Protein backbone atom coordinates (compact mmCIF):
# COMPACT_ATOMS: atom_id res chain seq x y z
CA UNK A 1 -51.73 100.19 -58.45
CA UNK A 2 -51.02 99.08 -55.04
CA UNK A 3 -50.66 101.40 -52.37
CA UNK A 4 -47.66 102.06 -50.33
CA UNK A 5 -49.26 100.50 -47.14
CA UNK A 6 -50.24 97.45 -49.20
CA UNK A 7 -46.72 97.37 -50.38
CA UNK A 8 -45.27 97.72 -47.11
CA UNK A 9 -47.64 95.13 -45.77
CA UNK A 10 -46.67 92.55 -48.63
CA UNK A 11 -42.95 93.11 -47.72
CA UNK A 12 -43.82 92.68 -43.97
CA UNK A 13 -45.65 89.33 -44.67
CA UNK A 14 -42.70 88.13 -46.96
CA UNK A 15 -40.08 88.99 -44.18
CA UNK A 16 -42.34 87.04 -41.60
CA UNK A 17 -42.62 84.01 -44.17
CA UNK A 18 -38.91 84.12 -44.46
CA UNK A 19 -38.20 84.29 -40.84
CA UNK A 20 -40.58 81.32 -40.53
CA UNK A 21 -38.81 79.35 -43.10
CA UNK A 22 -35.58 80.01 -41.62
CA UNK A 23 -36.97 78.91 -38.24
CA UNK A 24 -38.26 75.80 -39.87
CA UNK A 25 -34.87 75.21 -41.81
CA UNK A 26 -32.86 75.78 -38.77
CA UNK A 27 -35.19 73.31 -36.59
CA UNK A 28 -34.86 70.77 -39.41
CA UNK A 29 -31.09 71.24 -39.53
CA UNK A 30 -30.94 70.75 -35.74
CA UNK A 31 -33.24 67.67 -35.84
CA UNK A 32 -31.13 66.18 -38.50
CA UNK A 33 -28.06 66.95 -37.00
CA UNK A 34 -29.34 65.44 -33.82
CA UNK A 35 -30.41 62.22 -35.72
CA UNK A 36 -26.94 61.96 -37.48
CA UNK A 37 -25.49 62.42 -33.92
CA UNK A 38 -27.61 59.91 -32.41
CA UNK A 39 -27.20 57.31 -35.33
CA UNK A 40 -23.32 57.89 -34.91
CA UNK A 41 -23.56 57.23 -31.24
CA UNK A 42 -25.46 54.36 -31.84
CA UNK A 43 -23.33 53.15 -34.71
CA UNK A 44 -20.33 53.65 -32.20
CA UNK A 45 -21.83 51.79 -29.40
CA UNK A 46 -22.69 48.82 -31.54
CA UNK A 47 -19.03 48.87 -32.95
CA UNK A 48 -17.66 49.18 -29.42
CA UNK A 49 -19.80 46.11 -28.53
CA UNK A 50 -18.87 44.06 -31.27
CA UNK A 51 -15.28 44.80 -30.73
CA UNK A 52 -15.38 44.14 -26.93
CA UNK A 53 -17.01 40.76 -27.84
CA UNK A 54 -14.37 40.23 -30.32
CA UNK A 55 -11.76 40.93 -27.92
CA UNK A 56 -13.30 38.72 -25.30
CA UNK A 57 -13.53 35.90 -27.70
CA UNK A 58 -9.80 36.49 -28.66
CA UNK A 59 -8.72 36.31 -25.07
CA UNK A 60 -10.69 33.18 -24.47
CA UNK A 61 -9.13 31.81 -27.56
CA UNK A 62 -5.76 32.95 -26.43
CA UNK A 63 -6.23 31.28 -22.72
CA UNK A 64 -7.28 28.05 -24.21
CA UNK A 65 -4.39 28.00 -26.61
CA UNK A 66 -1.98 28.71 -23.66
CA UNK A 67 -3.70 26.18 -21.62
CA UNK A 68 -3.23 23.61 -24.30
CA UNK A 69 0.38 24.66 -24.97
CA UNK A 70 1.02 24.47 -21.22
CA UNK A 71 -0.52 20.77 -21.05
CA UNK A 72 1.69 19.74 -24.04
CA UNK A 73 4.85 21.14 -22.37
CA UNK A 74 3.99 19.43 -19.10
CA UNK A 75 3.36 16.23 -20.87
CA UNK A 76 6.70 16.42 -22.70
CA UNK A 77 8.39 17.43 -19.42
CA UNK A 78 6.87 14.32 -17.83
CA UNK A 79 7.91 11.98 -20.70
CA UNK A 80 11.40 13.47 -20.51
CA UNK A 81 11.44 12.90 -16.74
CA UNK A 82 10.19 9.39 -17.35
CA UNK A 83 12.95 8.74 -19.94
CA UNK A 84 15.54 10.21 -17.70
CA UNK A 85 14.55 8.20 -14.77
CA UNK A 86 14.43 4.91 -17.02
CA UNK A 87 18.08 5.84 -18.48
CA UNK A 88 19.23 6.32 -14.73
CA UNK A 89 17.74 2.87 -13.92
CA UNK A 90 19.37 1.15 -16.83
CA UNK A 91 22.48 2.73 -15.96
CA UNK A 92 22.31 1.65 -12.16
CA UNK A 93 21.74 -1.91 -13.36
CA UNK A 94 24.59 -1.85 -15.79
CA UNK A 95 26.87 -0.47 -12.88
CA UNK A 96 25.51 -3.32 -10.64
CA UNK A 97 26.24 -5.90 -13.45
CA UNK A 98 29.86 -4.53 -13.68
CA UNK A 99 30.41 -4.66 -10.00
CA UNK A 100 29.19 -8.23 -9.83
CA UNK A 101 31.18 -9.17 -12.85
CA UNK A 102 34.37 -7.24 -11.31
CA UNK A 103 33.71 -9.29 -7.83
CA UNK A 104 33.46 -12.51 -9.69
CA UNK A 105 36.61 -11.76 -11.44
CA UNK A 106 38.48 -10.82 -8.22
CA UNK A 107 37.15 -14.03 -6.70
CA UNK A 108 38.34 -16.24 -9.35
CA UNK A 109 41.80 -14.38 -9.33
CA UNK A 110 41.99 -14.87 -5.40
CA UNK A 111 41.01 -18.40 -5.84
CA UNK A 112 43.54 -18.99 -8.62
CA UNK A 113 46.22 -17.09 -6.65
CA UNK A 114 45.17 -19.22 -3.42
CA UNK A 115 45.65 -22.51 -5.35
CA UNK A 116 49.14 -21.38 -6.95
CA UNK A 117 50.03 -20.50 -3.21
CA UNK A 118 48.80 -23.77 -1.84
CA UNK A 119 50.79 -25.44 -4.72
CA UNK A 120 53.95 -23.49 -3.90
CA UNK A 121 53.72 -24.11 -0.17
CA UNK A 122 52.98 -27.92 -0.86
CA UNK A 123 56.12 -27.74 -3.46
CA UNK A 124 58.12 -25.84 -0.64
CA UNK A 125 57.19 -28.60 2.03
CA UNK A 126 58.19 -31.40 -0.48
CA UNK A 127 61.55 -30.00 -1.16
């Protein structure tokens, strides 16, 4: 049989071994937690970088689209302005032609009136 001292010694060794195992388990747990935290931080940083790149690409694409849209609007406005100028030019030409025709009619009417008056005077002088 074991003596009491020896029994006590065995218990003490077991306590020390248990304490050592607990320390090792705690250290492993802390190390694993630190590793998980480090991995999560790295993953978060990588995801953030990826999102930033995607956001930047989307912003660039939006700027390009807006520039293209602005160019289209400007071109449409220029075409509209050109068509309006052409319409005004044609209308001015039509107005000028109408005025010329009106002057010619007026001149013909005056010429006819003058001839009529001359005939009337000549007739009045004959009488």
